[in-house]
N, C-alpha and C. Protein backbone atom coordinates (compact mmCIF):
# COMPACT_ATOMS: atom_id res chain seq x y z
N UNK A 1 -8.65 -2.19 -2.56
CA UNK A 1 -7.78 -1.43 -1.73
C UNK A 1 -8.43 -1.24 -0.37
N UNK A 2 -7.61 -1.04 0.62
CA UNK A 2 -8.14 -0.91 1.97
C UNK A 2 -8.50 0.52 2.31
N UNK A 3 -7.71 1.49 1.88
CA UNK A 3 -7.94 2.84 2.38
C UNK A 3 -8.27 3.86 1.32
N UNK A 4 -8.44 3.47 0.09
CA UNK A 4 -8.75 4.47 -0.92
C UNK A 4 -10.24 4.80 -0.95
N UNK A 5 -10.81 4.87 0.24
CA UNK A 5 -12.16 5.34 0.45
C UNK A 5 -12.03 6.51 1.41
N UNK A 6 -12.80 7.55 1.18
CA UNK A 6 -12.69 8.69 2.07
C UNK A 6 -13.50 8.44 3.33
N UNK A 7 -13.20 9.18 4.37
CA UNK A 7 -13.96 9.08 5.60
C UNK A 7 -13.28 8.24 6.65
N UNK A 8 -14.08 7.57 7.51
CA UNK A 8 -13.52 6.84 8.65
C UNK A 8 -12.54 5.73 8.28
N UNK A 9 -12.79 5.02 7.18
CA UNK A 9 -11.88 3.95 6.77
C UNK A 9 -10.53 4.54 6.39
N UNK A 10 -10.54 5.62 5.60
CA UNK A 10 -9.30 6.29 5.22
C UNK A 10 -8.56 6.79 6.45
N UNK A 11 -9.27 7.41 7.36
CA UNK A 11 -8.64 7.93 8.58
C UNK A 11 -7.99 6.81 9.39
N UNK A 12 -8.69 5.69 9.53
CA UNK A 12 -8.16 4.57 10.32
C UNK A 12 -6.92 3.97 9.69
N UNK A 13 -6.95 3.74 8.38
CA UNK A 13 -5.78 3.12 7.74
C UNK A 13 -4.61 4.09 7.66
N UNK A 14 -4.89 5.38 7.53
CA UNK A 14 -3.81 6.37 7.52
C UNK A 14 -3.10 6.39 8.87
N UNK A 15 -3.85 6.30 9.96
CA UNK A 15 -3.24 6.26 11.30
C UNK A 15 -2.35 5.02 11.45
N UNK A 16 -2.84 3.88 10.96
CA UNK A 16 -2.05 2.65 11.04
C UNK A 16 -0.76 2.80 10.23
N UNK A 17 -0.88 3.34 9.02
CA UNK A 17 0.30 3.52 8.16
C UNK A 17 1.32 4.43 8.84
N UNK A 18 0.86 5.55 9.39
CA UNK A 18 1.78 6.47 10.06
C UNK A 18 2.49 5.78 11.23
N UNK A 19 1.74 4.99 12.00
CA UNK A 19 2.34 4.31 13.15
C UNK A 19 3.41 3.31 12.70
N UNK A 20 3.13 2.54 11.65
CA UNK A 20 4.08 1.52 11.21
C UNK A 20 5.26 2.10 10.44
N UNK A 21 5.05 3.22 9.76
CA UNK A 21 6.16 3.86 9.04
C UNK A 21 7.10 4.58 10.00
N UNK A 22 6.58 5.03 11.12
CA UNK A 22 7.40 5.77 12.08
C UNK A 22 7.42 7.25 11.72
N UNK A 23 8.29 8.02 12.38
CA UNK A 23 8.36 9.46 12.11
C UNK A 23 8.60 9.73 10.63
N UNK A 24 7.87 10.70 10.09
CA UNK A 24 7.96 11.00 8.66
C UNK A 24 8.91 12.15 8.35
N UNK A 25 9.04 13.09 9.26
CA UNK A 25 9.80 14.32 8.99
C UNK A 25 11.22 14.02 8.52
N UNK A 26 11.56 14.59 7.37
CA UNK A 26 12.91 14.46 6.83
C UNK A 26 13.21 13.14 6.15
N UNK A 27 12.23 12.25 6.04
CA UNK A 27 12.46 10.95 5.42
C UNK A 27 11.90 10.93 4.01
N UNK A 28 12.52 10.09 3.15
CA UNK A 28 12.04 9.88 1.78
C UNK A 28 11.11 8.67 1.78
N UNK A 29 9.82 8.93 1.46
CA UNK A 29 8.80 7.89 1.49
C UNK A 29 8.33 7.62 0.06
N UNK A 30 8.34 6.35 -0.33
CA UNK A 30 7.87 5.92 -1.64
C UNK A 30 6.46 5.38 -1.50
N UNK A 31 5.50 6.01 -2.19
CA UNK A 31 4.10 5.56 -2.19
C UNK A 31 3.86 4.81 -3.49
N UNK A 32 3.77 3.49 -3.39
CA UNK A 32 3.64 2.61 -4.55
C UNK A 32 2.18 2.35 -4.86
N UNK A 33 1.73 2.76 -6.04
CA UNK A 33 0.33 2.64 -6.39
C UNK A 33 -0.46 3.72 -5.68
N UNK A 34 -0.09 4.95 -5.92
CA UNK A 34 -0.59 6.09 -5.13
C UNK A 34 -2.07 6.37 -5.33
N UNK A 35 -2.71 5.73 -6.30
CA UNK A 35 -4.16 5.90 -6.55
C UNK A 35 -4.50 7.38 -6.63
N UNK A 36 -5.35 7.87 -5.75
CA UNK A 36 -5.75 9.28 -5.80
C UNK A 36 -4.86 10.22 -5.03
N UNK A 37 -3.83 9.71 -4.37
CA UNK A 37 -2.85 10.56 -3.70
C UNK A 37 -3.14 10.90 -2.26
N UNK A 38 -4.17 10.30 -1.66
CA UNK A 38 -4.54 10.65 -0.29
C UNK A 38 -3.40 10.35 0.68
N UNK A 39 -2.81 9.18 0.60
CA UNK A 39 -1.71 8.83 1.50
C UNK A 39 -0.50 9.71 1.23
N UNK A 40 -0.17 9.94 -0.04
CA UNK A 40 0.99 10.77 -0.38
C UNK A 40 0.86 12.17 0.21
N UNK A 41 -0.32 12.75 0.11
CA UNK A 41 -0.56 14.08 0.69
C UNK A 41 -0.38 14.03 2.20
N UNK A 42 -0.91 13.00 2.84
CA UNK A 42 -0.79 12.86 4.29
C UNK A 42 0.68 12.74 4.71
N UNK A 43 1.46 11.96 3.97
CA UNK A 43 2.88 11.80 4.29
C UNK A 43 3.63 13.12 4.10
N UNK A 44 3.31 13.84 3.03
CA UNK A 44 3.96 15.13 2.77
C UNK A 44 3.63 16.13 3.88
N UNK A 45 2.40 16.13 4.33
CA UNK A 45 2.01 17.01 5.43
C UNK A 45 2.76 16.66 6.71
N UNK A 46 3.15 15.40 6.85
CA UNK A 46 3.91 14.95 8.02
C UNK A 46 5.38 15.29 7.93
N UNK A 47 5.79 15.95 6.85
CA UNK A 47 7.18 16.38 6.72
C UNK A 47 8.06 15.48 5.88
N UNK A 48 7.48 14.46 5.25
CA UNK A 48 8.27 13.56 4.41
C UNK A 48 8.49 14.14 3.03
N UNK A 49 9.57 13.71 2.40
CA UNK A 49 9.79 13.95 0.98
C UNK A 49 9.17 12.74 0.28
N UNK A 50 8.08 12.96 -0.43
CA UNK A 50 7.30 11.86 -0.98
C UNK A 50 7.59 11.67 -2.46
N UNK A 51 7.71 10.41 -2.87
CA UNK A 51 7.78 10.03 -4.27
C UNK A 51 6.61 9.10 -4.51
N UNK A 52 5.62 9.56 -5.24
CA UNK A 52 4.41 8.78 -5.51
C UNK A 52 4.52 8.16 -6.90
N UNK A 53 4.16 6.89 -7.01
CA UNK A 53 4.26 6.16 -8.27
C UNK A 53 2.95 5.42 -8.52
N UNK A 54 2.48 5.47 -9.76
CA UNK A 54 1.33 4.65 -10.14
C UNK A 54 1.48 4.27 -11.60
N UNK A 55 0.89 3.13 -11.96
CA UNK A 55 1.01 2.63 -13.33
C UNK A 55 -0.08 3.18 -14.24
N UNK A 56 -1.05 3.92 -13.69
CA UNK A 56 -2.11 4.46 -14.53
C UNK A 56 -2.02 5.98 -14.61
N UNK A 57 -2.26 6.49 -15.80
CA UNK A 57 -2.23 7.93 -16.03
C UNK A 57 -3.29 8.62 -15.19
N UNK A 58 -4.47 8.00 -15.07
CA UNK A 58 -5.56 8.60 -14.30
C UNK A 58 -5.17 8.81 -12.84
N UNK A 59 -4.53 7.83 -12.24
CA UNK A 59 -4.12 7.95 -10.84
C UNK A 59 -3.05 9.01 -10.67
N UNK A 60 -2.12 9.06 -11.61
CA UNK A 60 -1.06 10.08 -11.55
C UNK A 60 -1.67 11.47 -11.62
N UNK A 61 -2.60 11.67 -12.54
CA UNK A 61 -3.25 12.98 -12.67
C UNK A 61 -4.07 13.32 -11.43
N UNK A 62 -4.80 12.34 -10.90
CA UNK A 62 -5.60 12.58 -9.69
C UNK A 62 -4.70 12.95 -8.52
N UNK A 63 -3.55 12.30 -8.41
CA UNK A 63 -2.61 12.60 -7.33
C UNK A 63 -2.05 14.01 -7.48
N UNK A 64 -1.69 14.38 -8.71
CA UNK A 64 -1.18 15.74 -8.94
C UNK A 64 -2.23 16.80 -8.61
N UNK A 65 -3.47 16.55 -9.01
CA UNK A 65 -4.55 17.50 -8.72
C UNK A 65 -4.80 17.63 -7.22
N UNK A 66 -4.79 16.52 -6.51
CA UNK A 66 -5.00 16.57 -5.06
C UNK A 66 -3.86 17.32 -4.38
N UNK A 67 -2.63 17.05 -4.79
CA UNK A 67 -1.48 17.76 -4.20
C UNK A 67 -1.59 19.26 -4.42
N UNK A 68 -1.99 19.64 -5.63
CA UNK A 68 -2.15 21.06 -5.94
C UNK A 68 -3.27 21.67 -5.09
N UNK A 69 -4.39 20.98 -5.02
CA UNK A 69 -5.52 21.48 -4.24
C UNK A 69 -5.19 21.61 -2.75
N UNK A 70 -4.39 20.66 -2.24
CA UNK A 70 -4.02 20.66 -0.82
C UNK A 70 -2.76 21.48 -0.55
N UNK A 71 -2.19 22.06 -1.61
CA UNK A 71 -1.01 22.92 -1.50
C UNK A 71 0.20 22.22 -0.87
N UNK A 72 0.45 20.99 -1.33
CA UNK A 72 1.66 20.27 -0.93
C UNK A 72 2.43 19.89 -2.19
N UNK A 73 3.73 19.72 -2.05
CA UNK A 73 4.57 19.40 -3.20
C UNK A 73 5.29 18.07 -2.98
N UNK A 74 5.26 17.25 -4.02
CA UNK A 74 6.04 16.02 -4.03
C UNK A 74 6.10 15.50 -5.46
N UNK A 75 7.02 14.58 -5.70
CA UNK A 75 7.19 14.00 -7.03
C UNK A 75 6.10 12.95 -7.29
N UNK A 76 5.59 12.95 -8.51
CA UNK A 76 4.62 11.94 -8.93
C UNK A 76 5.13 11.35 -10.24
N UNK A 77 5.26 10.02 -10.28
CA UNK A 77 5.80 9.34 -11.46
C UNK A 77 4.78 8.36 -12.03
N UNK A 78 4.67 8.35 -13.35
CA UNK A 78 3.89 7.34 -14.05
C UNK A 78 4.86 6.23 -14.43
N UNK A 79 4.77 5.09 -13.75
CA UNK A 79 5.71 4.00 -14.00
C UNK A 79 5.12 2.68 -13.53
N UNK A 80 5.60 1.61 -14.13
CA UNK A 80 5.28 0.26 -13.68
C UNK A 80 5.93 0.08 -12.31
N UNK A 81 5.23 -0.51 -11.37
CA UNK A 81 5.77 -0.69 -10.02
C UNK A 81 6.97 -1.62 -10.00
N UNK A 82 7.15 -2.42 -11.04
CA UNK A 82 8.30 -3.31 -11.13
C UNK A 82 9.48 -2.66 -11.85
N UNK A 83 9.31 -1.41 -12.27
CA UNK A 83 10.35 -0.69 -13.01
C UNK A 83 10.68 0.61 -12.28
N UNK A 84 11.52 0.52 -11.27
CA UNK A 84 11.87 1.69 -10.47
C UNK A 84 13.30 2.16 -10.76
N UNK A 85 13.73 2.01 -12.01
CA UNK A 85 15.10 2.37 -12.39
C UNK A 85 15.41 3.84 -12.19
N UNK A 86 14.39 4.69 -12.13
CA UNK A 86 14.61 6.12 -11.92
C UNK A 86 15.03 6.43 -10.48
N UNK A 87 14.99 5.43 -9.59
CA UNK A 87 15.42 5.61 -8.21
C UNK A 87 16.74 4.90 -7.97
N UNK A 88 17.65 5.58 -7.26
CA UNK A 88 18.94 4.98 -6.93
C UNK A 88 18.77 3.91 -5.85
N UNK A 89 19.69 2.98 -5.81
CA UNK A 89 19.69 1.96 -4.76
C UNK A 89 19.91 2.63 -3.41
N UNK A 90 19.30 2.06 -2.39
CA UNK A 90 19.47 2.53 -1.01
C UNK A 90 19.16 4.02 -0.84
N UNK A 91 18.14 4.52 -1.54
CA UNK A 91 17.84 5.96 -1.49
C UNK A 91 16.51 6.29 -0.81
N UNK A 92 15.76 5.27 -0.40
CA UNK A 92 14.42 5.47 0.16
C UNK A 92 14.39 5.00 1.62
N UNK A 93 13.76 5.80 2.48
CA UNK A 93 13.70 5.49 3.91
C UNK A 93 12.52 4.60 4.29
N UNK A 94 11.46 4.60 3.49
CA UNK A 94 10.30 3.75 3.77
C UNK A 94 9.45 3.68 2.51
N UNK A 95 8.75 2.55 2.34
CA UNK A 95 7.84 2.39 1.20
C UNK A 95 6.48 1.98 1.73
N UNK A 96 5.44 2.39 0.98
CA UNK A 96 4.06 2.15 1.40
C UNK A 96 3.25 1.76 0.17
N UNK A 97 2.32 0.83 0.36
CA UNK A 97 1.40 0.48 -0.72
C UNK A 97 0.06 0.08 -0.13
N UNK A 98 -1.00 0.64 -0.70
CA UNK A 98 -2.35 0.31 -0.28
C UNK A 98 -3.04 -0.48 -1.38
N UNK A 99 -2.91 -1.80 -1.32
CA UNK A 99 -3.64 -2.67 -2.22
C UNK A 99 -3.13 -2.76 -3.64
N UNK A 100 -2.11 -2.00 -3.99
CA UNK A 100 -1.66 -1.96 -5.38
C UNK A 100 -0.99 -3.25 -5.84
N UNK A 101 -0.41 -4.00 -4.93
CA UNK A 101 0.33 -5.19 -5.33
C UNK A 101 -0.57 -6.30 -5.85
N UNK A 102 -1.86 -6.26 -5.55
CA UNK A 102 -2.78 -7.28 -6.05
C UNK A 102 -2.93 -7.23 -7.56
N UNK A 103 -2.61 -6.09 -8.14
CA UNK A 103 -2.80 -5.90 -9.58
C UNK A 103 -1.53 -6.07 -10.41
N UNK A 104 -0.39 -6.33 -9.78
CA UNK A 104 0.85 -6.42 -10.55
C UNK A 104 1.05 -7.84 -11.07
N UNK A 105 1.53 -7.98 -12.31
CA UNK A 105 1.72 -9.31 -12.88
C UNK A 105 2.92 -10.06 -12.31
N UNK A 106 3.93 -9.34 -11.79
CA UNK A 106 5.13 -10.00 -11.30
C UNK A 106 5.49 -9.46 -9.92
N UNK A 107 4.86 -10.02 -8.90
CA UNK A 107 5.06 -9.56 -7.53
C UNK A 107 6.51 -9.72 -7.09
N UNK A 108 7.16 -10.80 -7.49
CA UNK A 108 8.55 -11.03 -7.11
C UNK A 108 9.45 -9.89 -7.59
N UNK A 109 9.24 -9.46 -8.82
CA UNK A 109 10.06 -8.37 -9.37
C UNK A 109 9.79 -7.06 -8.64
N UNK A 110 8.54 -6.79 -8.30
CA UNK A 110 8.21 -5.57 -7.55
C UNK A 110 8.94 -5.58 -6.22
N UNK A 111 8.87 -6.68 -5.49
CA UNK A 111 9.54 -6.76 -4.19
C UNK A 111 11.06 -6.62 -4.33
N UNK A 112 11.64 -7.18 -5.39
CA UNK A 112 13.09 -7.02 -5.60
C UNK A 112 13.44 -5.56 -5.85
N UNK A 113 12.61 -4.86 -6.64
CA UNK A 113 12.86 -3.44 -6.91
C UNK A 113 12.72 -2.60 -5.65
N UNK A 114 11.70 -2.88 -4.86
CA UNK A 114 11.51 -2.13 -3.61
C UNK A 114 12.69 -2.39 -2.67
N UNK A 115 13.12 -3.64 -2.58
CA UNK A 115 14.28 -3.97 -1.75
C UNK A 115 15.52 -3.21 -2.22
N UNK A 116 15.71 -3.10 -3.51
CA UNK A 116 16.87 -2.40 -4.06
C UNK A 116 16.89 -0.93 -3.66
N UNK A 117 15.74 -0.26 -3.70
CA UNK A 117 15.72 1.18 -3.46
C UNK A 117 15.66 1.55 -1.98
N UNK A 118 15.22 0.62 -1.12
CA UNK A 118 15.17 0.91 0.31
C UNK A 118 16.56 0.87 0.94
N UNK A 119 16.77 1.70 1.94
CA UNK A 119 17.99 1.63 2.74
C UNK A 119 17.89 0.40 3.65
N UNK A 120 19.03 -0.20 4.03
CA UNK A 120 19.00 -1.37 4.92
C UNK A 120 18.22 -1.07 6.20
N UNK A 121 17.37 -2.02 6.59
CA UNK A 121 16.56 -1.87 7.80
C UNK A 121 15.28 -1.09 7.61
N UNK A 122 15.10 -0.50 6.44
CA UNK A 122 13.92 0.34 6.19
C UNK A 122 12.68 -0.52 5.95
N UNK A 123 11.49 0.04 6.29
CA UNK A 123 10.27 -0.75 6.18
C UNK A 123 9.52 -0.58 4.85
N UNK A 124 8.85 -1.64 4.48
CA UNK A 124 7.80 -1.63 3.46
C UNK A 124 6.51 -1.92 4.22
N UNK A 125 5.56 -0.99 4.20
CA UNK A 125 4.26 -1.19 4.83
C UNK A 125 3.25 -1.38 3.72
N UNK A 126 2.51 -2.47 3.77
CA UNK A 126 1.53 -2.74 2.72
C UNK A 126 0.19 -3.15 3.31
N UNK A 127 -0.86 -2.64 2.69
CA UNK A 127 -2.23 -2.99 3.04
C UNK A 127 -2.79 -3.83 1.92
N UNK A 128 -3.51 -4.90 2.29
CA UNK A 128 -4.11 -5.80 1.31
C UNK A 128 -5.52 -6.13 1.77
N UNK A 129 -6.43 -6.41 0.83
CA UNK A 129 -7.76 -6.87 1.24
C UNK A 129 -7.62 -8.16 2.05
N UNK A 130 -8.40 -8.27 3.10
CA UNK A 130 -8.39 -9.48 3.91
C UNK A 130 -8.98 -10.63 3.09
N UNK A 131 -8.43 -11.83 3.22
CA UNK A 131 -8.97 -12.96 2.45
C UNK A 131 -10.47 -13.20 2.67
N UNK A 132 -11.00 -12.82 3.82
CA UNK A 132 -12.43 -13.01 4.09
C UNK A 132 -13.27 -11.81 3.70
N UNK A 133 -12.66 -10.76 3.16
CA UNK A 133 -13.43 -9.55 2.85
C UNK A 133 -14.50 -9.79 1.79
N UNK A 134 -14.29 -10.76 0.93
CA UNK A 134 -15.29 -11.05 -0.11
C UNK A 134 -16.59 -11.54 0.50
N UNK A 135 -16.52 -12.15 1.67
CA UNK A 135 -17.73 -12.67 2.31
C UNK A 135 -18.61 -11.55 2.86
N UNK A 136 -18.05 -10.36 3.03
CA UNK A 136 -18.82 -9.25 3.59
C UNK A 136 -19.98 -8.85 2.68
N UNK A 137 -19.88 -9.15 1.39
CA UNK A 137 -20.94 -8.77 0.46
C UNK A 137 -22.07 -9.80 0.40
N UNK A 138 -21.93 -10.90 1.13
CA UNK A 138 -22.93 -11.95 1.11
C UNK A 138 -23.97 -11.67 2.20
N UNK A 139 -25.27 -11.62 1.85
CA UNK A 139 -26.30 -11.41 2.87
C UNK A 139 -26.24 -12.49 3.94
N UNK A 140 -26.45 -12.10 5.19
CA UNK A 140 -26.32 -13.06 6.29
C UNK A 140 -27.41 -14.13 6.28
N UNK A 141 -28.53 -13.89 5.59
CA UNK A 141 -29.60 -14.87 5.58
C UNK A 141 -29.49 -15.87 4.44
N UNK A 142 -28.38 -15.86 3.73
CA UNK A 142 -28.20 -16.81 2.63
C UNK A 142 -27.00 -17.69 2.92
N UNK A 143 -26.95 -18.80 2.23
CA UNK A 143 -25.83 -19.71 2.34
C UNK A 143 -25.29 -19.93 0.94
N UNK A 144 -24.42 -19.04 0.48
CA UNK A 144 -23.93 -19.16 -0.89
C UNK A 144 -22.87 -20.24 -1.02
N UNK A 145 -22.74 -20.72 -2.22
CA UNK A 145 -21.62 -21.61 -2.49
C UNK A 145 -20.40 -20.72 -2.68
N UNK A 146 -19.23 -21.31 -2.64
CA UNK A 146 -18.00 -20.53 -2.79
C UNK A 146 -17.99 -19.77 -4.11
N UNK A 147 -18.54 -20.38 -5.16
CA UNK A 147 -18.54 -19.75 -6.48
C UNK A 147 -19.49 -18.56 -6.57
N UNK A 148 -20.45 -18.45 -5.63
CA UNK A 148 -21.41 -17.34 -5.67
C UNK A 148 -20.85 -16.05 -5.08
N UNK A 149 -19.75 -16.13 -4.38
CA UNK A 149 -19.21 -14.96 -3.69
C UNK A 149 -18.39 -14.12 -4.65
N UNK A 150 -18.71 -12.82 -4.71
CA UNK A 150 -17.91 -11.91 -5.53
C UNK A 150 -16.58 -11.71 -4.83
N UNK A 151 -15.49 -11.98 -5.53
CA UNK A 151 -14.18 -11.92 -4.90
C UNK A 151 -13.32 -10.84 -5.53
N UNK A 152 -12.80 -9.91 -4.70
CA UNK A 152 -11.83 -8.96 -5.22
C UNK A 152 -10.52 -9.70 -5.48
N UNK A 153 -9.61 -9.07 -6.18
CA UNK A 153 -8.29 -9.67 -6.38
C UNK A 153 -7.59 -9.70 -5.03
N UNK A 154 -7.29 -10.88 -4.55
CA UNK A 154 -6.66 -11.02 -3.25
C UNK A 154 -5.40 -11.85 -3.40
N UNK A 155 -4.31 -11.32 -2.88
CA UNK A 155 -3.05 -12.04 -2.90
C UNK A 155 -3.08 -13.12 -1.83
N UNK A 156 -2.48 -14.25 -2.12
CA UNK A 156 -2.40 -15.29 -1.10
C UNK A 156 -1.26 -14.94 -0.14
N UNK A 157 -1.47 -15.25 1.13
CA UNK A 157 -0.41 -15.01 2.11
C UNK A 157 0.84 -15.79 1.74
N UNK A 158 0.65 -16.98 1.21
CA UNK A 158 1.79 -17.80 0.82
C UNK A 158 2.65 -17.07 -0.20
N UNK A 159 2.02 -16.53 -1.24
CA UNK A 159 2.77 -15.82 -2.27
C UNK A 159 3.45 -14.58 -1.71
N UNK A 160 2.73 -13.80 -0.92
CA UNK A 160 3.29 -12.56 -0.37
C UNK A 160 4.50 -12.86 0.51
N UNK A 161 4.34 -13.78 1.47
CA UNK A 161 5.43 -14.07 2.39
C UNK A 161 6.61 -14.71 1.66
N UNK A 162 6.34 -15.63 0.76
CA UNK A 162 7.42 -16.28 0.01
C UNK A 162 8.23 -15.27 -0.79
N UNK A 163 7.54 -14.40 -1.52
CA UNK A 163 8.26 -13.44 -2.37
C UNK A 163 8.97 -12.36 -1.55
N UNK A 164 8.39 -11.96 -0.42
CA UNK A 164 9.08 -11.00 0.45
C UNK A 164 10.39 -11.60 0.97
N UNK A 165 10.33 -12.83 1.45
CA UNK A 165 11.52 -13.47 1.99
C UNK A 165 12.57 -13.68 0.90
N UNK A 166 12.15 -14.12 -0.27
CA UNK A 166 13.09 -14.31 -1.38
C UNK A 166 13.76 -13.01 -1.80
N UNK A 167 13.02 -11.90 -1.68
CA UNK A 167 13.57 -10.59 -2.07
C UNK A 167 14.51 -10.03 -1.01
N UNK A 168 14.53 -10.62 0.18
CA UNK A 168 15.43 -10.16 1.23
C UNK A 168 14.76 -9.34 2.32
N UNK A 169 13.46 -9.54 2.51
CA UNK A 169 12.73 -8.84 3.57
C UNK A 169 12.48 -9.78 4.74
N UNK A 170 12.27 -9.18 5.91
CA UNK A 170 11.86 -9.89 7.11
C UNK A 170 10.57 -9.25 7.60
N UNK A 171 9.50 -10.03 7.70
CA UNK A 171 8.21 -9.50 8.17
C UNK A 171 8.28 -9.40 9.69
N UNK A 172 8.00 -8.18 10.21
CA UNK A 172 8.03 -8.00 11.66
C UNK A 172 6.68 -7.62 12.26
N UNK A 173 5.69 -7.32 11.41
CA UNK A 173 4.37 -6.95 11.92
C UNK A 173 3.29 -7.43 10.96
N UNK A 174 2.24 -8.01 11.53
CA UNK A 174 1.06 -8.41 10.76
C UNK A 174 -0.16 -8.03 11.58
N UNK A 175 -1.02 -7.19 11.00
CA UNK A 175 -2.22 -6.71 11.70
C UNK A 175 -3.47 -7.02 10.88
N UNK A 176 -4.57 -7.25 11.58
CA UNK A 176 -5.89 -7.40 10.97
C UNK A 176 -6.81 -6.40 11.65
N UNK A 177 -6.69 -5.12 11.31
CA UNK A 177 -7.45 -4.10 12.03
C UNK A 177 -8.94 -4.19 11.76
N UNK A 178 -9.72 -3.84 12.78
CA UNK A 178 -11.16 -3.70 12.60
C UNK A 178 -11.39 -2.30 12.07
N UNK A 179 -11.93 -2.20 10.88
CA UNK A 179 -12.15 -0.91 10.25
C UNK A 179 -13.61 -0.50 10.39
N UNK A 180 -13.87 0.79 10.45
CA UNK A 180 -15.25 1.26 10.52
C UNK A 180 -16.04 0.80 9.30
N UNK A 181 -17.32 0.57 9.50
CA UNK A 181 -18.17 0.16 8.39
C UNK A 181 -18.25 1.28 7.36
N UNK A 182 -18.22 0.92 6.11
CA UNK A 182 -18.35 1.88 5.02
C UNK A 182 -19.44 1.38 4.09
N UNK A 183 -20.37 2.23 3.77
CA UNK A 183 -21.48 1.86 2.89
C UNK A 183 -22.24 0.64 3.41
N UNK A 184 -22.35 0.53 4.74
CA UNK A 184 -23.12 -0.56 5.31
C UNK A 184 -22.42 -1.90 5.36
N UNK A 185 -21.14 -1.95 5.05
CA UNK A 185 -20.44 -3.24 5.11
C UNK A 185 -19.10 -3.04 5.80
N UNK A 186 -18.62 -4.09 6.40
CA UNK A 186 -17.32 -4.03 7.06
C UNK A 186 -16.24 -4.32 6.03
N UNK A 187 -15.21 -3.51 6.06
CA UNK A 187 -14.10 -3.73 5.15
C UNK A 187 -12.94 -4.31 5.94
N UNK A 188 -12.53 -5.50 5.56
CA UNK A 188 -11.41 -6.12 6.23
C UNK A 188 -10.14 -5.94 5.43
N UNK A 189 -9.06 -5.73 6.16
CA UNK A 189 -7.78 -5.68 5.46
C UNK A 189 -6.70 -6.26 6.34
N UNK A 190 -5.60 -6.55 5.72
CA UNK A 190 -4.42 -7.04 6.41
C UNK A 190 -3.33 -6.00 6.17
N UNK A 191 -2.62 -5.68 7.23
CA UNK A 191 -1.52 -4.72 7.12
C UNK A 191 -0.27 -5.45 7.56
N UNK A 192 0.77 -5.38 6.74
CA UNK A 192 2.02 -5.98 7.19
C UNK A 192 3.18 -5.03 6.95
N UNK A 193 4.16 -5.18 7.82
CA UNK A 193 5.40 -4.41 7.68
C UNK A 193 6.54 -5.39 7.55
N UNK A 194 7.35 -5.18 6.51
CA UNK A 194 8.53 -6.00 6.26
C UNK A 194 9.73 -5.07 6.18
N UNK A 195 10.85 -5.49 6.74
CA UNK A 195 12.05 -4.65 6.72
C UNK A 195 13.10 -5.25 5.79
N UNK A 196 13.81 -4.36 5.11
CA UNK A 196 14.89 -4.79 4.23
C UNK A 196 16.03 -5.33 5.07
N UNK A 197 16.44 -6.54 4.76
CA UNK A 197 17.61 -7.12 5.40
C UNK A 197 18.79 -7.03 4.45
N UNK A 198 19.97 -7.14 4.98
CA UNK A 198 21.16 -7.13 4.14
C UNK A 198 21.65 -5.73 3.87
N UNK A 199 22.67 -5.68 3.01
CA UNK A 199 23.27 -4.38 2.68
C UNK A 199 23.03 -4.04 1.24
């Protein structure tokens, strides 16, 4: 994940998310793969009605605890990201995900579900590990083979773009932000915004 680290990296990615999502006040924001709830709390503080979803019980509980500790209220659901039947069609103003899509077995189905629940023209903002981020863990004085590099789960751009387009999205923004170093290494990520097309 790109921003589920506290401190400067979290602050930087939260600012990017807020900018790409646009004004939050009065909007329904879906946080897909809410992890520890940091983004959901930030969106709620910005005046959004937040619906946080994660497929793990631990993340759901961590999100609920953080919301309680920070004295903000929003819905938290334990659900598969490809199973959003509890949400009506065209009922969400914006969706956000920080790295959660790398772990889903059926990305096409997730994108179709997100498209179904978003209002026409609404954005999906997603953060993903940069394809070169695995190289950050390699010491600069070595020349490893490709197989020596520890690789996080990284979605291919081909798969992401293909499935977004098939689901009815149009990508309008792609960013490769320079993030502050965390734990002595640079964390690279890719941020993209896709808008729901059609009715």
